[in-house]
Amino acid sequence: MTGLQLFWFIIVGVLFSGFFFLEGFDYGVGMSAITIAKDKREVEQAIGSIGPVWDLNEVWLLTAGGAMFASFPYWYASLFSGFYLILFLILVGLIFRGVTFEFRHHSHTEKGKMLWTKVLGVASFAIPFLFGLMFTSMIQGVPMDAKGNVTATFATYVNFLSVVGGVAVMLLAWLHGLNYLALKTEGALRERAAKIANILYFVLYAGEVVFAVLLAIFTDFFEKHFIGTLVLLALIVILTLVAHLSVRAGKEMSAFLASGLTFIALVALIFQGIFPRVMIATNPAHSILIKNASSTGYTLKTMTIITLVILPFVLIYMGWTYFIFRKRIKK
């Protein structure tokens, strides 16, 4: 394995981390719009808090997929073909969720707006669940031949660990969104978001314990990377506790950052667990390794130069956007 191969493996992980940190609260706000918002004004208040940034945040997913395709085409081909059905459902959810913002705006009746609000909420619940389902299916090992062709069954996708993982990611996104609403809104919605988050964190604690136990049973993470897995699991619990205590103390920014960092720790857990593989096969001899899945050294070098030149401008633009829309949303 070369340094550039390792670098791009880390970059793909960073891009997915950025996606879950930023788009995670978008999904959580969408969930909250159909669960805790009491009237149409609160719905507008919630959706308005992510209106200027949701599509900006979603770019991280496109970039992560593009980076995987360019740097690890073998990984991309195996993952996207093997998990085609789940990724197709995610794509459908992303499409429906994306158009709801425009369709709600152009609806001339309250029934129309209510319909598209419900579509937004359902898609916001479904997408993080499906992402969690996919990643926790992948880390268990999938039936795959020596050429990387995945021959998955229903049980490969839907099993105890993958369902728990899907629910955990969905719940974490909801909490991240509630913390964002508490940070970005005023009035009753802000107070209700903090109150609901305080309750849901107790559910998340239980989910994290179950997830850790299932991770030890159904994956080789502890066998391959015992210390790293233990440290990252502990970090996830600590960050969850920090977020919860921050919610109770009314420290909204701390709660939001801690819930976002929990997502990053979760992605780090997955990527360190599969290392030095990118796809884990039920037959270890068929697992795809980083060194065998990457593009040529010249391609990786060119991508690195382009990334280092463009990335600062992208980050500056994103930072400026959030700075411009930093004020709280009033009812």
Protein backbone atom coordinates (compact mmCIF):
# COMPACT_ATOMS: atom_id res chain seq x y z
CA MET A 1 0.00 0.00 0.00
CA THR A 2 1.38 3.39 -1.00
CA GLY A 3 1.06 6.65 0.87
CA LEU A 4 -1.29 8.07 -1.77
CA GLN A 5 -3.56 5.03 -1.53
CA LEU A 6 -3.79 5.47 2.23
CA PHE A 7 -4.29 9.22 1.80
CA TRP A 8 -7.27 8.74 -0.51
CA PHE A 9 -8.78 6.06 1.70
CA ILE A 10 -8.71 8.64 4.50
CA ILE A 11 -10.07 11.36 2.19
CA VAL A 12 -13.08 9.21 1.27
CA GLY A 13 -13.71 8.69 4.98
CA VAL A 14 -13.39 12.43 5.64
CA LEU A 15 -15.88 13.21 2.87
CA PHE A 16 -18.43 10.76 4.28
CA SER A 17 -17.81 12.26 7.72
CA GLY A 18 -18.51 15.73 6.35
CA PHE A 19 -21.67 14.47 4.70
CA PHE A 20 -23.07 12.93 7.86
CA PHE A 21 -22.04 15.90 10.01
CA LEU A 22 -23.69 18.45 7.72
CA GLU A 23 -26.48 16.57 5.99
CA GLY A 24 -27.25 14.65 9.16
CA PHE A 25 -28.88 17.64 10.80
CA ASP A 26 -30.80 18.37 7.58
CA TYR A 27 -32.39 14.94 7.87
CA GLY A 28 -33.05 15.52 11.55
CA VAL A 29 -34.82 18.79 10.81
CA GLY A 30 -36.92 17.05 8.16
CA MET A 31 -37.91 14.41 10.71
CA SER A 32 -38.75 17.12 13.23
CA ALA A 33 -40.97 18.95 10.74
CA ILE A 34 -43.49 16.09 10.89
CA THR A 35 -42.99 15.09 14.52
CA ILE A 36 -42.46 18.04 16.84
CA ALA A 37 -43.67 21.06 14.83
CA LYS A 38 -47.14 21.91 16.16
CA ASP A 39 -48.45 24.18 13.41
CA LYS A 40 -47.64 25.42 9.93
CA ARG A 41 -45.60 28.34 11.26
CA GLU A 42 -43.33 26.01 13.18
CA VAL A 43 -43.02 23.78 10.12
CA GLU A 44 -41.93 26.80 8.09
CA GLN A 45 -39.57 27.82 10.88
CA ALA A 46 -37.95 24.38 10.94
CA ILE A 47 -37.61 24.03 7.18
CA GLY A 48 -36.44 27.63 6.89
CA SER A 49 -33.51 26.84 9.16
CA ILE A 50 -32.02 24.50 6.54
CA GLY A 51 -33.41 26.16 3.42
CA PRO A 52 -30.21 28.01 2.45
CA VAL A 53 -27.80 25.14 3.18
CA TRP A 54 -29.39 21.72 2.60
CA ASP A 55 -28.27 21.41 -1.03
CA LEU A 56 -24.80 22.69 -0.12
CA ASN A 57 -24.52 19.97 2.51
CA GLU A 58 -25.66 17.27 0.08
CA VAL A 59 -22.72 18.04 -2.20
CA TRP A 60 -20.52 16.18 0.29
CA LEU A 61 -22.25 12.93 -0.65
CA LEU A 62 -21.70 13.53 -4.36
CA THR A 63 -18.07 14.38 -3.68
CA ALA A 64 -17.59 11.25 -1.55
CA GLY A 65 -19.07 9.06 -4.28
CA GLY A 66 -17.01 10.81 -6.94
CA ALA A 67 -13.82 10.48 -4.92
CA MET A 68 -14.48 6.78 -4.39
CA PHE A 69 -15.11 6.29 -8.12
CA ALA A 70 -11.93 8.12 -9.12
CA SER A 71 -9.56 6.82 -6.46
CA PHE A 72 -10.92 3.31 -5.83
CA PRO A 73 -12.91 2.23 -8.91
CA TYR A 74 -12.83 -1.43 -7.89
CA TRP A 75 -14.35 -0.56 -4.50
CA TYR A 76 -16.93 1.68 -6.16
CA ALA A 77 -17.93 -1.00 -8.66
CA SER A 78 -18.27 -3.73 -6.05
CA LEU A 79 -20.12 -1.59 -3.50
CA PHE A 80 -22.51 0.11 -5.90
CA SER A 81 -23.38 -3.09 -7.76
CA GLY A 82 -23.62 -5.25 -4.64
CA PHE A 83 -25.78 -2.76 -2.76
CA TYR A 84 -27.64 -1.53 -5.81
CA LEU A 85 -31.13 -1.93 -4.34
CA ILE A 86 -30.36 0.01 -1.16
CA LEU A 87 -28.55 2.73 -3.10
CA PHE A 88 -31.46 2.93 -5.53
CA LEU A 89 -33.86 3.48 -2.62
CA ILE A 90 -31.52 6.12 -1.19
CA LEU A 91 -31.47 7.86 -4.58
CA VAL A 92 -35.27 7.82 -4.74
CA GLY A 93 -35.38 9.29 -1.24
CA LEU A 94 -32.88 11.99 -2.16
CA ILE A 95 -34.88 12.92 -5.26
CA PHE A 96 -38.20 13.13 -3.45
CA ARG A 97 -36.64 14.99 -0.55
CA GLY A 98 -34.93 17.45 -2.87
CA VAL A 99 -38.03 18.38 -4.83
CA THR A 100 -40.14 18.89 -1.70
CA PHE A 101 -38.49 22.24 -1.00
CA GLU A 102 -39.58 23.60 -4.39
CA PHE A 103 -42.95 21.86 -4.50
CA ARG A 104 -43.87 23.11 -1.03
CA HIS A 105 -42.96 26.63 -2.09
CA HIS A 106 -45.11 26.46 -5.22
CA SER A 107 -48.09 24.73 -3.62
CA HIS A 108 -51.12 27.01 -3.58
CA THR A 109 -53.07 25.05 -0.98
CA GLU A 110 -52.37 24.04 2.60
CA LYS A 111 -53.10 20.41 1.70
CA GLY A 112 -50.42 20.54 -0.95
CA LYS A 113 -47.87 21.99 1.45
CA MET A 114 -48.81 19.42 4.07
CA LEU A 115 -48.40 16.59 1.57
CA TRP A 116 -44.89 17.67 0.58
CA THR A 117 -43.96 18.28 4.20
CA LYS A 118 -44.87 14.66 4.94
CA VAL A 119 -42.82 13.50 1.94
CA LEU A 120 -39.88 15.50 3.29
CA GLY A 121 -40.27 13.92 6.72
CA VAL A 122 -40.62 10.34 5.49
CA ALA A 123 -37.62 10.70 3.17
CA SER A 124 -35.61 12.25 5.99
CA PHE A 125 -36.32 9.22 8.17
CA ALA A 126 -35.67 6.71 5.39
CA ILE A 127 -32.37 7.98 3.97
CA PRO A 128 -30.21 7.81 7.13
CA PHE A 129 -31.81 4.47 8.01
CA LEU A 130 -30.84 3.07 4.61
CA PHE A 131 -27.30 4.44 4.88
CA GLY A 132 -26.93 2.79 8.28
CA LEU A 133 -28.39 -0.42 6.88
CA MET A 134 -25.91 -0.43 4.01
CA PHE A 135 -22.75 0.34 5.96
CA THR A 136 -23.51 -2.09 8.78
CA SER A 137 -24.30 -4.80 6.22
CA MET A 138 -21.00 -4.12 4.48
CA ILE A 139 -18.86 -4.41 7.61
CA GLN A 140 -20.21 -7.88 8.43
CA GLY A 141 -18.80 -9.31 5.22
CA VAL A 142 -20.73 -10.04 2.06
CA PRO A 143 -20.76 -13.08 -0.25
CA MET A 144 -18.37 -12.10 -3.01
CA ASP A 145 -16.28 -13.93 -5.60
CA ALA A 146 -12.63 -13.37 -6.42
CA LYS A 147 -13.55 -10.72 -9.00
CA GLY A 148 -15.45 -8.61 -6.47
CA ASN A 149 -18.92 -9.57 -7.68
CA VAL A 150 -21.31 -9.47 -4.73
CA THR A 151 -24.00 -12.17 -4.65
CA ALA A 152 -26.08 -10.85 -1.80
CA THR A 153 -29.37 -12.16 -0.47
CA PHE A 154 -32.07 -10.39 1.52
CA ALA A 155 -30.41 -11.56 4.74
CA THR A 156 -27.17 -9.90 3.65
CA TYR A 157 -28.88 -6.53 3.67
CA VAL A 158 -31.44 -6.98 6.42
CA ASN A 159 -30.26 -8.63 9.60
CA PHE A 160 -30.10 -7.85 13.30
CA LEU A 161 -26.94 -5.73 13.17
CA SER A 162 -27.88 -3.85 10.00
CA VAL A 163 -31.35 -2.97 11.31
CA VAL A 164 -29.90 -1.80 14.63
CA GLY A 165 -27.28 0.17 12.71
CA GLY A 166 -29.92 1.74 10.51
CA VAL A 167 -32.06 2.76 13.46
CA ALA A 168 -29.00 4.11 15.30
CA VAL A 169 -27.94 6.31 12.37
CA MET A 170 -31.52 7.52 11.93
CA LEU A 171 -31.82 8.33 15.63
CA LEU A 172 -28.47 10.09 15.68
CA ALA A 173 -29.51 12.19 12.68
CA TRP A 174 -32.76 13.11 14.41
CA LEU A 175 -30.92 14.18 17.54
CA HIS A 176 -28.42 16.14 15.46
CA GLY A 177 -31.33 17.91 13.80
CA LEU A 178 -33.00 18.64 17.14
CA ASN A 179 -29.76 20.15 18.41
CA TYR A 180 -29.57 22.24 15.26
CA LEU A 181 -33.15 23.47 15.72
CA ALA A 182 -32.38 24.42 19.31
CA LEU A 183 -29.39 26.35 18.01
CA LYS A 184 -31.07 28.02 15.03
CA THR A 185 -34.65 28.76 16.08
CA GLU A 186 -36.50 30.78 18.68
CA GLY A 187 -39.63 30.29 20.73
CA ALA A 188 -41.59 27.14 21.48
CA LEU A 189 -39.95 25.07 18.74
CA ARG A 190 -36.52 25.69 20.22
CA GLU A 191 -37.66 24.64 23.69
CA ARG A 192 -39.50 21.58 22.40
CA ALA A 193 -36.50 20.44 20.36
CA ALA A 194 -34.31 20.48 23.47
CA LYS A 195 -36.97 18.68 25.50
CA ILE A 196 -37.41 15.88 22.94
CA ALA A 197 -33.64 15.55 22.49
CA ASN A 198 -33.22 15.09 26.23
CA ILE A 199 -35.59 12.11 26.10
CA LEU A 200 -34.20 10.55 22.93
CA TYR A 201 -30.65 10.49 24.26
CA PHE A 202 -31.67 7.80 26.74
CA VAL A 203 -32.85 5.69 23.81
CA LEU A 204 -29.56 6.32 22.02
CA TYR A 205 -27.56 5.09 25.02
CA ALA A 206 -29.36 1.76 24.87
CA GLY A 207 -28.87 1.59 21.12
CA GLU A 208 -25.14 2.19 21.42
CA VAL A 209 -24.76 -0.63 23.92
CA VAL A 210 -26.66 -3.05 21.67
CA PHE A 211 -24.67 -1.90 18.64
CA ALA A 212 -21.34 -2.44 20.42
CA VAL A 213 -22.32 -5.96 21.46
CA LEU A 214 -23.51 -6.86 17.96
CA LEU A 215 -20.35 -5.35 16.48
CA ALA A 216 -18.29 -7.73 18.59
CA ILE A 217 -20.42 -10.72 17.59
CA PHE A 218 -20.97 -10.16 13.87
CA THR A 219 -17.80 -8.37 12.71
CA ASP A 220 -14.06 -8.89 13.05
CA PHE A 221 -13.41 -5.33 14.22
CA PHE A 222 -12.28 -6.37 17.69
CA GLU A 223 -10.20 -9.18 16.26
CA LYS A 224 -8.44 -6.99 13.69
CA HIS A 225 -8.30 -3.64 15.51
CA PHE A 226 -9.13 -4.21 19.16
CA ILE A 227 -7.68 -1.02 20.62
CA GLY A 228 -8.89 1.27 17.83
CA THR A 229 -12.40 -0.18 17.95
CA LEU A 230 -12.57 0.08 21.73
CA VAL A 231 -11.30 3.66 21.74
CA LEU A 232 -13.72 4.81 19.05
CA LEU A 233 -16.69 3.10 20.69
CA ALA A 234 -15.76 4.80 23.95
CA LEU A 235 -15.42 8.11 22.11
CA ILE A 236 -18.90 7.71 20.61
CA VAL A 237 -20.36 7.15 24.07
CA ILE A 238 -18.42 10.09 25.54
CA LEU A 239 -19.53 12.43 22.75
CA THR A 240 -23.12 11.28 23.19
CA LEU A 241 -22.87 12.02 26.91
CA VAL A 242 -21.35 15.44 26.22
CA ALA A 243 -24.15 16.25 23.78
CA HIS A 244 -26.80 15.11 26.25
CA LEU A 245 -25.34 17.08 29.14
CA SER A 246 -25.04 20.12 26.88
CA VAL A 247 -28.71 19.82 25.97
CA ARG A 248 -29.67 19.69 29.63
CA ALA A 249 -27.44 22.69 30.39
CA GLY A 250 -28.81 24.72 27.49
CA LYS A 251 -25.42 24.82 25.73
CA GLU A 252 -26.81 24.52 22.23
CA MET A 253 -23.62 24.94 20.23
CA SER A 254 -21.81 22.35 22.34
CA ALA A 255 -24.68 19.91 21.91
CA PHE A 256 -24.72 20.43 18.15
CA LEU A 257 -20.96 20.02 17.76
CA ALA A 258 -20.91 16.93 19.98
CA SER A 259 -23.69 15.21 18.04
CA GLY A 260 -21.91 16.04 14.78
CA LEU A 261 -18.62 14.71 16.12
CA THR A 262 -20.44 11.52 17.11
CA PHE A 263 -21.19 10.99 13.43
CA ILE A 264 -17.53 11.54 12.58
CA ALA A 265 -16.46 9.04 15.24
CA LEU A 266 -18.93 6.51 13.82
CA VAL A 267 -17.52 6.89 10.30
CA ALA A 268 -14.00 6.61 11.73
CA LEU A 269 -15.05 3.41 13.51
CA ILE A 270 -16.24 1.87 10.24
CA PHE A 271 -13.22 2.91 8.20
CA GLN A 272 -10.66 1.79 10.76
CA GLY A 273 -12.54 -1.47 11.16
CA ILE A 274 -12.44 -2.40 7.49
CA PHE A 275 -8.80 -1.26 7.04
CA PRO A 276 -6.74 -2.39 5.10
CA ARG A 277 -9.75 -3.69 3.17
CA VAL A 278 -12.40 -1.69 1.38
CA MET A 279 -14.85 -4.56 0.92
CA ILE A 280 -15.05 -7.45 3.36
CA ALA A 281 -16.00 -10.82 1.89
CA THR A 282 -17.40 -13.75 3.83
CA ASN A 283 -14.47 -15.63 2.32
CA PRO A 284 -11.47 -13.58 3.55
CA ALA A 285 -9.47 -14.53 0.47
CA HIS A 286 -11.93 -12.59 -1.68
CA SER A 287 -11.88 -9.36 0.34
CA ILE A 288 -10.83 -6.31 -1.67
CA LEU A 289 -7.78 -4.55 -0.25
CA ILE A 290 -6.90 -0.88 -0.54
CA LYS A 291 -3.76 -1.68 -2.48
CA ASN A 292 -5.69 -3.69 -5.07
CA ALA A 293 -8.70 -1.41 -5.43
CA SER A 294 -7.10 1.93 -6.22
CA SER A 295 -6.43 3.82 -9.40
CA THR A 296 -2.90 4.25 -10.73
CA GLY A 297 -0.34 6.29 -8.88
CA TYR A 298 -0.45 8.99 -11.56
CA THR A 299 -4.22 9.33 -11.19
CA LEU A 300 -3.99 9.59 -7.41
CA LYS A 301 -1.20 12.15 -7.67
CA THR A 302 -3.19 14.29 -10.12
CA MET A 303 -6.29 14.09 -7.92
CA THR A 304 -4.26 15.12 -4.89
CA ILE A 305 -2.90 18.24 -6.61
CA ILE A 306 -6.35 19.27 -7.86
CA THR A 307 -7.89 18.68 -4.43
CA LEU A 308 -5.27 20.72 -2.60
CA VAL A 309 -5.81 23.62 -5.01
CA ILE A 310 -9.63 23.62 -5.04
CA LEU A 311 -10.53 22.49 -1.51
CA PRO A 312 -9.60 25.73 0.31
CA PHE A 313 -11.94 27.74 -1.93
CA VAL A 314 -14.78 25.27 -1.35
CA LEU A 315 -14.34 25.42 2.41
CA ILE A 316 -14.16 29.22 2.37
CA TYR A 317 -17.38 29.37 0.34
CA MET A 318 -19.16 27.00 2.73
CA GLY A 319 -17.94 28.92 5.75
CA TRP A 320 -19.11 32.20 4.22
CA THR A 321 -22.54 30.72 3.48
CA TYR A 322 -23.01 29.59 7.07
CA PHE A 323 -21.77 32.96 8.30
CA ILE A 324 -24.31 34.83 6.18
CA PHE A 325 -27.18 32.64 7.41
CA ARG A 326 -26.02 32.46 11.03
CA LYS A 327 -29.01 34.18 12.64
CA ARG A 328 -31.82 32.34 14.39
CA ILE A 329 -35.06 31.73 12.53
CA LYS A 330 -38.06 33.40 14.15
CA LYS A 331 -41.55 31.97 14.09
